[in-house]
Amino acid sequence: NKVPNYGANLLRDLMAQGIPVVVFDSQTLMDNSTAYIGTNQEFLGRTMARLLRQLRPEGGIYAMVGRKEGRDTAFINEIERYNHLD
């Protein structure tokens, strides 16, 4: 089931008026937008783990909600490097 994208009509209206539309991390109207800016998921996963390490240098137990290809593996690999729980 595809979730309806209620912002698509607004974006079409803006583009019809000649207003540039830049899309971030969404494929909504990607072909017709002025630009698309995406996330390097592996870099984000590593960065998330490093930030957690700064917040909890002693390590801990973490839950990952909402998995994204590349991000979850990079996060797990990075967090395991420094998370020394027995």
N, C-alpha and C. Protein backbone atom coordinates (compact mmCIF):
# COMPACT_ATOMS: atom_id res chain seq x y z
N ASN A 1 0.84 -1.20 0.00
CA ASN A 1 0.00 0.00 0.00
C ASN A 1 0.87 1.25 0.00
N LYS A 2 0.58 2.12 -0.90
CA LYS A 2 1.33 3.36 -0.99
C LYS A 2 0.64 4.43 -0.15
N VAL A 3 1.41 5.11 0.68
CA VAL A 3 0.87 6.18 1.51
C VAL A 3 0.69 7.41 0.63
N PRO A 4 -0.48 8.06 0.66
CA PRO A 4 -0.69 9.24 -0.17
C PRO A 4 0.23 10.38 0.24
N ASN A 5 0.72 11.09 -0.74
CA ASN A 5 1.60 12.23 -0.47
C ASN A 5 0.80 13.50 -0.70
N TYR A 6 0.35 14.08 0.40
CA TYR A 6 -0.51 15.26 0.31
C TYR A 6 0.26 16.52 -0.09
N GLY A 7 1.59 16.49 0.04
CA GLY A 7 2.37 17.65 -0.36
C GLY A 7 2.64 17.71 -1.86
N ALA A 8 2.37 16.62 -2.58
CA ALA A 8 2.66 16.57 -4.01
C ALA A 8 1.90 17.63 -4.78
N ASN A 9 0.62 17.85 -4.44
CA ASN A 9 -0.16 18.87 -5.16
C ASN A 9 0.41 20.26 -4.92
N LEU A 10 0.82 20.54 -3.69
CA LEU A 10 1.42 21.84 -3.38
C LEU A 10 2.69 22.03 -4.19
N LEU A 11 3.53 21.00 -4.25
CA LEU A 11 4.78 21.11 -5.01
C LEU A 11 4.50 21.32 -6.49
N ARG A 12 3.50 20.62 -7.03
CA ARG A 12 3.14 20.82 -8.45
C ARG A 12 2.69 22.25 -8.69
N ASP A 13 1.88 22.79 -7.77
CA ASP A 13 1.40 24.17 -7.91
C ASP A 13 2.57 25.15 -7.88
N LEU A 14 3.50 24.95 -6.97
CA LEU A 14 4.66 25.84 -6.88
C LEU A 14 5.49 25.80 -8.15
N MET A 15 5.72 24.59 -8.66
CA MET A 15 6.51 24.45 -9.89
C MET A 15 5.78 25.07 -11.07
N ALA A 16 4.46 24.95 -11.10
CA ALA A 16 3.67 25.55 -12.19
C ALA A 16 3.79 27.07 -12.17
N GLN A 17 4.01 27.63 -10.99
CA GLN A 17 4.19 29.08 -10.86
C GLN A 17 5.63 29.50 -11.12
N GLY A 18 6.49 28.56 -11.44
CA GLY A 18 7.89 28.87 -11.73
C GLY A 18 8.75 28.98 -10.49
N ILE A 19 8.24 28.54 -9.36
CA ILE A 19 9.00 28.61 -8.11
C ILE A 19 9.88 27.37 -8.03
N PRO A 20 11.20 27.57 -7.84
CA PRO A 20 12.10 26.42 -7.75
C PRO A 20 11.76 25.54 -6.55
N VAL A 21 11.80 24.24 -6.74
CA VAL A 21 11.52 23.28 -5.68
C VAL A 21 12.74 22.38 -5.51
N VAL A 22 13.27 22.33 -4.30
CA VAL A 22 14.39 21.46 -3.97
C VAL A 22 13.86 20.38 -3.05
N VAL A 23 14.11 19.13 -3.39
CA VAL A 23 13.58 17.99 -2.64
C VAL A 23 14.72 17.39 -1.81
N PHE A 24 14.46 17.19 -0.50
CA PHE A 24 15.42 16.59 0.40
C PHE A 24 14.94 15.20 0.80
N ASP A 25 15.77 14.19 0.54
CA ASP A 25 15.51 12.82 0.98
C ASP A 25 14.10 12.31 0.68
N SER A 26 13.56 12.68 -0.44
CA SER A 26 12.24 12.20 -0.83
C SER A 26 12.22 12.08 -2.34
N GLN A 27 11.53 11.08 -2.82
CA GLN A 27 11.43 10.92 -4.26
C GLN A 27 10.20 11.61 -4.81
N THR A 28 9.51 12.37 -3.98
CA THR A 28 8.33 13.11 -4.42
C THR A 28 8.72 14.07 -5.53
N LEU A 29 8.15 13.90 -6.68
CA LEU A 29 8.38 14.78 -7.84
C LEU A 29 9.86 15.00 -8.14
N MET A 30 10.67 14.02 -7.81
CA MET A 30 12.11 14.15 -8.01
C MET A 30 12.46 14.48 -9.45
N ASP A 31 11.74 13.90 -10.39
CA ASP A 31 12.06 14.13 -11.80
C ASP A 31 11.76 15.56 -12.23
N ASN A 32 10.80 16.20 -11.60
CA ASN A 32 10.40 17.54 -12.02
C ASN A 32 10.94 18.65 -11.12
N SER A 33 11.58 18.30 -10.02
CA SER A 33 12.05 19.32 -9.09
C SER A 33 13.29 20.00 -9.65
N THR A 34 13.60 21.15 -9.08
CA THR A 34 14.78 21.90 -9.49
C THR A 34 16.05 21.15 -9.10
N ALA A 35 16.01 20.55 -7.91
CA ALA A 35 17.17 19.81 -7.43
C ALA A 35 16.72 18.76 -6.42
N TYR A 36 17.56 17.75 -6.23
CA TYR A 36 17.33 16.72 -5.23
C TYR A 36 18.58 16.60 -4.38
N ILE A 37 18.42 16.64 -3.07
CA ILE A 37 19.55 16.49 -2.16
C ILE A 37 19.27 15.25 -1.31
N GLY A 38 20.15 14.27 -1.39
CA GLY A 38 19.97 13.02 -0.66
C GLY A 38 21.02 12.86 0.42
N THR A 39 20.80 11.87 1.25
CA THR A 39 21.67 11.59 2.37
C THR A 39 22.57 10.40 2.06
N ASN A 40 23.82 10.51 2.42
CA ASN A 40 24.72 9.37 2.39
C ASN A 40 24.41 8.56 3.64
N GLN A 41 23.66 7.47 3.48
CA GLN A 41 23.15 6.71 4.62
C GLN A 41 24.26 6.09 5.46
N GLU A 42 25.33 5.63 4.84
CA GLU A 42 26.43 5.03 5.60
C GLU A 42 27.12 6.09 6.46
N PHE A 43 27.36 7.25 5.90
CA PHE A 43 27.98 8.34 6.67
C PHE A 43 27.09 8.73 7.84
N LEU A 44 25.78 8.81 7.60
CA LEU A 44 24.84 9.16 8.66
C LEU A 44 24.85 8.11 9.77
N GLY A 45 24.86 6.84 9.42
CA GLY A 45 24.90 5.78 10.42
C GLY A 45 26.14 5.86 11.29
N ARG A 46 27.30 6.06 10.66
CA ARG A 46 28.55 6.20 11.43
C ARG A 46 28.50 7.44 12.33
N THR A 47 27.98 8.53 11.81
CA THR A 47 27.89 9.78 12.58
C THR A 47 26.96 9.63 13.77
N MET A 48 25.83 8.94 13.59
CA MET A 48 24.90 8.71 14.69
C MET A 48 25.61 7.94 15.81
N ALA A 49 26.36 6.90 15.45
CA ALA A 49 27.07 6.10 16.45
C ALA A 49 28.12 6.93 17.17
N ARG A 50 28.83 7.76 16.45
CA ARG A 50 29.88 8.60 17.07
C ARG A 50 29.27 9.62 18.01
N LEU A 51 28.12 10.17 17.65
CA LEU A 51 27.44 11.11 18.54
C LEU A 51 26.97 10.41 19.81
N LEU A 52 26.44 9.20 19.68
CA LEU A 52 26.04 8.45 20.86
C LEU A 52 27.24 8.16 21.75
N ARG A 53 28.37 7.85 21.13
CA ARG A 53 29.58 7.59 21.90
C ARG A 53 29.99 8.83 22.70
N GLN A 54 29.81 10.02 22.12
CA GLN A 54 30.12 11.25 22.84
C GLN A 54 29.16 11.46 24.01
N LEU A 55 27.88 11.12 23.79
CA LEU A 55 26.88 11.30 24.85
C LEU A 55 27.00 10.24 25.94
N ARG A 56 27.38 9.02 25.56
CA ARG A 56 27.47 7.91 26.51
C ARG A 56 28.80 7.19 26.29
N PRO A 57 29.91 7.79 26.69
CA PRO A 57 31.22 7.17 26.43
C PRO A 57 31.38 5.80 27.11
N GLU A 58 30.58 5.55 28.15
CA GLU A 58 30.65 4.25 28.83
C GLU A 58 29.92 3.16 28.06
N GLY A 59 29.24 3.51 26.98
CA GLY A 59 28.50 2.54 26.19
C GLY A 59 27.10 2.37 26.73
N GLY A 60 26.38 1.44 26.16
CA GLY A 60 25.01 1.22 26.60
C GLY A 60 24.27 0.28 25.67
N ILE A 61 22.99 0.19 25.90
CA ILE A 61 22.11 -0.60 25.05
C ILE A 61 21.26 0.38 24.26
N TYR A 62 21.21 0.20 22.95
CA TYR A 62 20.51 1.13 22.07
C TYR A 62 19.45 0.39 21.25
N ALA A 63 18.41 1.08 20.91
CA ALA A 63 17.38 0.54 20.03
C ALA A 63 17.38 1.34 18.74
N MET A 64 17.24 0.64 17.63
CA MET A 64 17.17 1.31 16.34
C MET A 64 15.73 1.20 15.83
N VAL A 65 15.11 2.33 15.65
CA VAL A 65 13.74 2.38 15.16
C VAL A 65 13.76 2.98 13.76
N GLY A 66 13.21 2.28 12.81
CA GLY A 66 13.21 2.77 11.43
C GLY A 66 14.53 2.49 10.75
N ARG A 67 14.62 1.37 10.12
CA ARG A 67 15.87 0.99 9.46
C ARG A 67 15.93 1.54 8.04
N LYS A 68 17.13 1.87 7.62
CA LYS A 68 17.37 2.38 6.28
C LYS A 68 18.60 1.67 5.73
N GLU A 69 18.50 1.19 4.50
CA GLU A 69 19.60 0.44 3.91
C GLU A 69 20.91 1.22 3.97
N GLY A 70 21.94 0.60 4.49
CA GLY A 70 23.25 1.22 4.60
C GLY A 70 23.44 1.92 5.94
N ARG A 71 22.42 2.64 6.40
CA ARG A 71 22.54 3.38 7.65
C ARG A 71 22.64 2.45 8.85
N ASP A 72 21.79 1.44 8.90
CA ASP A 72 21.76 0.56 10.06
C ASP A 72 23.05 -0.25 10.18
N THR A 73 23.55 -0.77 9.08
CA THR A 73 24.79 -1.55 9.11
C THR A 73 25.97 -0.68 9.53
N ALA A 74 26.07 0.51 8.98
CA ALA A 74 27.16 1.42 9.34
C ALA A 74 27.08 1.80 10.81
N PHE A 75 25.86 2.04 11.31
CA PHE A 75 25.68 2.38 12.73
C PHE A 75 26.15 1.22 13.61
N ILE A 76 25.67 0.01 13.31
CA ILE A 76 26.02 -1.16 14.12
C ILE A 76 27.53 -1.40 14.10
N ASN A 77 28.14 -1.35 12.93
CA ASN A 77 29.58 -1.56 12.83
C ASN A 77 30.35 -0.53 13.64
N GLU A 78 29.95 0.71 13.58
CA GLU A 78 30.66 1.78 14.29
C GLU A 78 30.43 1.68 15.80
N ILE A 79 29.19 1.45 16.22
CA ILE A 79 28.90 1.41 17.66
C ILE A 79 29.57 0.21 18.32
N GLU A 80 29.69 -0.90 17.59
CA GLU A 80 30.34 -2.09 18.15
C GLU A 80 31.84 -1.89 18.35
N ARG A 81 32.42 -0.98 17.64
CA ARG A 81 33.86 -0.71 17.79
C ARG A 81 34.18 -0.18 19.18
N TYR A 82 33.23 0.53 19.81
CA TYR A 82 33.51 1.23 21.05
C TYR A 82 32.58 0.84 22.19
N ASN A 83 31.58 0.05 21.94
CA ASN A 83 30.61 -0.32 22.96
C ASN A 83 31.08 -1.61 23.64
N HIS A 84 31.67 -1.48 24.80
CA HIS A 84 32.34 -2.62 25.46
C HIS A 84 31.47 -3.19 26.59
N LEU A 85 30.26 -3.59 26.26
CA LEU A 85 29.42 -4.21 27.27
C LEU A 85 29.70 -5.69 27.35
N ASP A 86 29.68 -6.23 28.53
CA ASP A 86 29.90 -7.68 28.71
C ASP A 86 28.56 -8.38 28.78
